[in-house]
């Protein structure tokens, strides 16, 4: 895969991760799941693009947690989180 293909894959993974950041019934559940999903997507995207895995994980986790915290339960409801 070339650089453009890797960038597209990383963008799509991040978009999917942020889209599912609404998991959970409370604001803290959504922030936790969004942070975990975002960290994984950020680290994977950064690894694909040859960047810092730690930096990508931190930025992705922060973006996912913020998205999850600011998402209303009625916007995206994927059921109870795994830890409940």
N, C-alpha and C. Protein backbone atom coordinates (compact mmCIF):
# COMPACT_ATOMS: atom_id res chain seq x y z
N UNK A 1 0.83 -1.16 0.00
CA UNK A 1 0.00 0.00 0.00
C UNK A 1 0.89 1.24 0.00
N UNK A 2 0.54 2.23 -0.77
CA UNK A 2 1.34 3.45 -0.82
C UNK A 2 0.93 4.43 0.27
N UNK A 3 1.60 5.57 0.31
CA UNK A 3 1.33 6.58 1.36
C UNK A 3 -0.11 7.06 1.29
N UNK A 4 -0.63 7.32 0.09
CA UNK A 4 -2.02 7.79 -0.05
C UNK A 4 -3.00 6.74 0.45
N UNK A 5 -2.74 5.47 0.14
CA UNK A 5 -3.60 4.39 0.62
C UNK A 5 -3.56 4.26 2.13
N UNK A 6 -2.36 4.41 2.72
CA UNK A 6 -2.23 4.36 4.18
C UNK A 6 -2.95 5.53 4.84
N UNK A 7 -2.83 6.71 4.25
CA UNK A 7 -3.51 7.88 4.81
C UNK A 7 -5.02 7.69 4.76
N UNK A 8 -5.52 7.19 3.64
CA UNK A 8 -6.95 6.96 3.51
C UNK A 8 -7.44 5.94 4.53
N UNK A 9 -6.68 4.86 4.70
CA UNK A 9 -7.03 3.84 5.68
C UNK A 9 -7.04 4.40 7.09
N UNK A 10 -6.05 5.22 7.42
CA UNK A 10 -5.98 5.81 8.76
C UNK A 10 -7.15 6.76 8.99
N UNK A 11 -7.50 7.55 7.99
CA UNK A 11 -8.63 8.47 8.12
C UNK A 11 -9.93 7.70 8.29
N UNK A 12 -10.11 6.64 7.52
CA UNK A 12 -11.33 5.84 7.64
C UNK A 12 -11.42 5.15 9.00
N UNK A 13 -10.32 4.63 9.49
CA UNK A 13 -10.32 3.98 10.81
C UNK A 13 -10.67 4.98 11.90
N UNK A 14 -10.11 6.17 11.80
CA UNK A 14 -10.39 7.20 12.80
C UNK A 14 -11.85 7.62 12.74
N UNK A 15 -12.38 7.78 11.54
CA UNK A 15 -13.79 8.17 11.39
C UNK A 15 -14.71 7.10 11.97
N UNK A 16 -14.41 5.84 11.71
CA UNK A 16 -15.23 4.76 12.26
C UNK A 16 -15.12 4.71 13.79
N UNK A 17 -13.93 4.92 14.31
CA UNK A 17 -13.74 4.90 15.76
C UNK A 17 -14.50 6.04 16.41
N UNK A 18 -14.41 7.21 15.84
CA UNK A 18 -15.13 8.35 16.42
C UNK A 18 -16.63 8.19 16.27
N UNK A 19 -17.06 7.54 15.20
CA UNK A 19 -18.48 7.31 15.01
C UNK A 19 -19.07 6.36 16.02
N UNK A 20 -18.26 5.45 16.53
CA UNK A 20 -18.75 4.50 17.53
C UNK A 20 -18.44 4.96 18.95
N UNK A 21 -17.98 6.18 19.11
CA UNK A 21 -17.62 6.68 20.43
C UNK A 21 -18.85 6.88 21.32
N UNK A 22 -20.04 6.73 20.77
CA UNK A 22 -21.25 6.93 21.55
C UNK A 22 -21.70 5.70 22.32
N UNK A 23 -20.87 4.68 22.42
CA UNK A 23 -21.24 3.48 23.17
C UNK A 23 -21.44 3.82 24.64
N UNK A 24 -22.49 3.31 25.21
CA UNK A 24 -22.72 3.50 26.64
C UNK A 24 -23.93 4.37 26.91
N UNK A 25 -24.42 4.27 28.13
CA UNK A 25 -25.63 4.99 28.48
C UNK A 25 -25.35 6.26 29.26
N UNK A 26 -24.15 6.44 29.77
CA UNK A 26 -23.84 7.67 30.51
C UNK A 26 -22.70 8.41 29.81
N UNK A 27 -22.53 9.65 30.19
CA UNK A 27 -21.48 10.46 29.59
C UNK A 27 -20.10 9.87 29.87
N UNK A 28 -19.89 9.37 31.07
CA UNK A 28 -18.59 8.78 31.39
C UNK A 28 -18.35 7.48 30.63
N UNK A 29 -19.39 6.66 30.43
CA UNK A 29 -19.25 5.43 29.63
C UNK A 29 -18.84 5.77 28.20
N UNK A 30 -19.49 6.78 27.62
CA UNK A 30 -19.17 7.17 26.25
C UNK A 30 -17.77 7.76 26.16
N UNK A 31 -17.35 8.51 27.17
CA UNK A 31 -16.00 9.08 27.16
C UNK A 31 -14.95 7.98 27.27
N UNK A 32 -15.18 6.99 28.13
CA UNK A 32 -14.24 5.88 28.29
C UNK A 32 -14.13 5.04 27.02
N UNK A 33 -15.26 4.66 26.47
CA UNK A 33 -15.22 3.83 25.26
C UNK A 33 -14.67 4.62 24.08
N UNK A 34 -15.05 5.89 23.98
CA UNK A 34 -14.52 6.72 22.90
C UNK A 34 -13.03 6.91 23.01
N UNK A 35 -12.53 7.09 24.24
CA UNK A 35 -11.10 7.24 24.44
C UNK A 35 -10.33 5.99 24.07
N UNK A 36 -10.87 4.84 24.44
CA UNK A 36 -10.20 3.57 24.11
C UNK A 36 -10.20 3.32 22.61
N UNK A 37 -11.32 3.54 21.98
CA UNK A 37 -11.41 3.33 20.53
C UNK A 37 -10.52 4.34 19.80
N UNK A 38 -10.56 5.59 20.24
CA UNK A 38 -9.74 6.62 19.61
C UNK A 38 -8.25 6.37 19.77
N UNK A 39 -7.85 5.91 20.94
CA UNK A 39 -6.43 5.62 21.18
C UNK A 39 -5.95 4.50 20.26
N UNK A 40 -6.75 3.46 20.13
CA UNK A 40 -6.38 2.37 19.24
C UNK A 40 -6.31 2.81 17.79
N UNK A 41 -7.29 3.56 17.36
CA UNK A 41 -7.30 4.04 15.97
C UNK A 41 -6.16 5.02 15.72
N UNK A 42 -5.89 5.90 16.68
CA UNK A 42 -4.80 6.85 16.52
C UNK A 42 -3.45 6.18 16.46
N UNK A 43 -3.24 5.20 17.31
CA UNK A 43 -1.97 4.47 17.32
C UNK A 43 -1.80 3.67 16.03
N UNK A 44 -2.86 3.01 15.58
CA UNK A 44 -2.79 2.23 14.34
C UNK A 44 -2.56 3.14 13.14
N UNK A 45 -3.28 4.24 13.09
CA UNK A 45 -3.10 5.18 11.97
C UNK A 45 -1.70 5.76 11.94
N UNK A 46 -1.19 6.10 13.10
CA UNK A 46 0.15 6.66 13.18
C UNK A 46 1.20 5.62 12.79
N UNK A 47 1.00 4.39 13.18
CA UNK A 47 1.93 3.32 12.81
C UNK A 47 1.91 3.10 11.30
N UNK A 48 0.74 3.16 10.69
CA UNK A 48 0.64 2.99 9.24
C UNK A 48 1.33 4.11 8.48
N UNK A 49 1.27 5.31 9.05
CA UNK A 49 1.86 6.46 8.38
C UNK A 49 3.30 6.71 8.77
N UNK A 50 3.85 5.89 9.66
CA UNK A 50 5.24 6.03 10.06
C UNK A 50 5.48 7.10 11.10
N UNK A 51 4.44 7.50 11.80
CA UNK A 51 4.58 8.52 12.85
C UNK A 51 4.79 7.90 14.21
N UNK A 52 4.70 8.73 15.22
CA UNK A 52 4.86 8.28 16.60
C UNK A 52 3.60 7.55 17.05
N UNK A 53 3.76 6.29 17.43
CA UNK A 53 2.61 5.51 17.87
C UNK A 53 2.04 6.08 19.17
N UNK A 54 2.93 6.49 20.07
CA UNK A 54 2.48 7.06 21.34
C UNK A 54 1.73 8.37 21.10
N UNK A 55 2.28 9.22 20.25
CA UNK A 55 1.62 10.49 19.94
C UNK A 55 0.27 10.28 19.28
N UNK A 56 0.21 9.35 18.34
CA UNK A 56 -1.06 9.05 17.67
C UNK A 56 -2.09 8.50 18.63
N UNK A 57 -1.63 7.64 19.56
CA UNK A 57 -2.54 7.08 20.56
C UNK A 57 -3.07 8.14 21.50
N UNK A 58 -2.19 9.06 21.91
CA UNK A 58 -2.62 10.13 22.81
C UNK A 58 -3.62 11.07 22.13
N UNK A 59 -3.30 11.48 20.90
CA UNK A 59 -4.21 12.37 20.19
C UNK A 59 -5.54 11.68 19.87
N UNK A 60 -5.47 10.44 19.42
CA UNK A 60 -6.69 9.69 19.12
C UNK A 60 -7.54 9.45 20.35
N UNK A 61 -6.87 9.13 21.47
CA UNK A 61 -7.60 8.92 22.72
C UNK A 61 -8.29 10.19 23.20
N UNK A 62 -7.58 11.31 23.08
CA UNK A 62 -8.19 12.59 23.50
C UNK A 62 -9.37 12.95 22.61
N UNK A 63 -9.21 12.76 21.30
CA UNK A 63 -10.30 13.07 20.38
C UNK A 63 -11.49 12.13 20.61
N UNK A 64 -11.23 10.85 20.82
CA UNK A 64 -12.31 9.89 21.06
C UNK A 64 -13.03 10.14 22.37
N UNK A 65 -12.28 10.47 23.42
CA UNK A 65 -12.89 10.76 24.72
C UNK A 65 -13.75 12.01 24.64
N UNK A 66 -13.25 13.04 23.96
CA UNK A 66 -14.03 14.27 23.83
C UNK A 66 -15.29 14.02 23.02
N UNK A 67 -15.16 13.27 21.93
CA UNK A 67 -16.33 12.96 21.11
C UNK A 67 -17.35 12.16 21.91
N UNK A 68 -16.89 11.17 22.65
CA UNK A 68 -17.80 10.37 23.46
C UNK A 68 -18.47 11.18 24.55
N UNK A 69 -17.71 12.08 25.17
CA UNK A 69 -18.27 12.90 26.26
C UNK A 69 -19.31 13.88 25.75
N UNK A 70 -19.11 14.39 24.53
CA UNK A 70 -20.02 15.40 24.00
C UNK A 70 -21.12 14.82 23.13
N UNK A 71 -21.18 13.48 23.03
CA UNK A 71 -22.22 12.82 22.25
C UNK A 71 -23.39 12.50 23.17
N UNK A 72 -24.57 12.82 22.73
CA UNK A 72 -25.77 12.52 23.51
C UNK A 72 -26.15 11.05 23.33
N UNK A 73 -26.71 10.47 24.36
CA UNK A 73 -27.09 9.05 24.33
C UNK A 73 -28.05 8.76 23.18
N UNK A 74 -28.90 9.71 22.84
CA UNK A 74 -29.88 9.48 21.78
C UNK A 74 -29.27 9.59 20.38
N UNK A 75 -28.08 10.21 20.26
CA UNK A 75 -27.44 10.34 18.95
C UNK A 75 -27.00 8.99 18.42
N UNK A 76 -26.24 8.26 19.22
CA UNK A 76 -25.74 6.93 18.84
C UNK A 76 -25.90 6.03 20.06
N UNK A 77 -26.69 4.97 19.92
CA UNK A 77 -26.89 4.05 21.03
C UNK A 77 -26.58 2.64 20.55
N UNK A 78 -25.43 2.12 20.96
CA UNK A 78 -25.02 0.77 20.58
C UNK A 78 -25.21 -0.23 21.71
N UNK A 79 -25.99 0.15 22.70
CA UNK A 79 -26.28 -0.77 23.79
C UNK A 79 -25.37 -0.56 24.98
N UNK A 80 -25.46 -1.51 25.92
CA UNK A 80 -24.67 -1.41 27.15
C UNK A 80 -23.20 -1.68 26.85
N UNK A 81 -22.29 -0.95 27.51
CA UNK A 81 -20.87 -1.22 27.31
C UNK A 81 -20.49 -2.58 27.90
N UNK A 82 -19.37 -3.12 27.47
CA UNK A 82 -18.93 -4.45 27.87
C UNK A 82 -18.65 -4.53 29.37
N UNK A 83 -18.28 -3.41 30.00
CA UNK A 83 -17.91 -3.46 31.42
C UNK A 83 -19.11 -3.38 32.34
N UNK A 84 -20.34 -3.22 31.82
CA UNK A 84 -21.54 -3.20 32.68
C UNK A 84 -22.08 -4.59 32.87
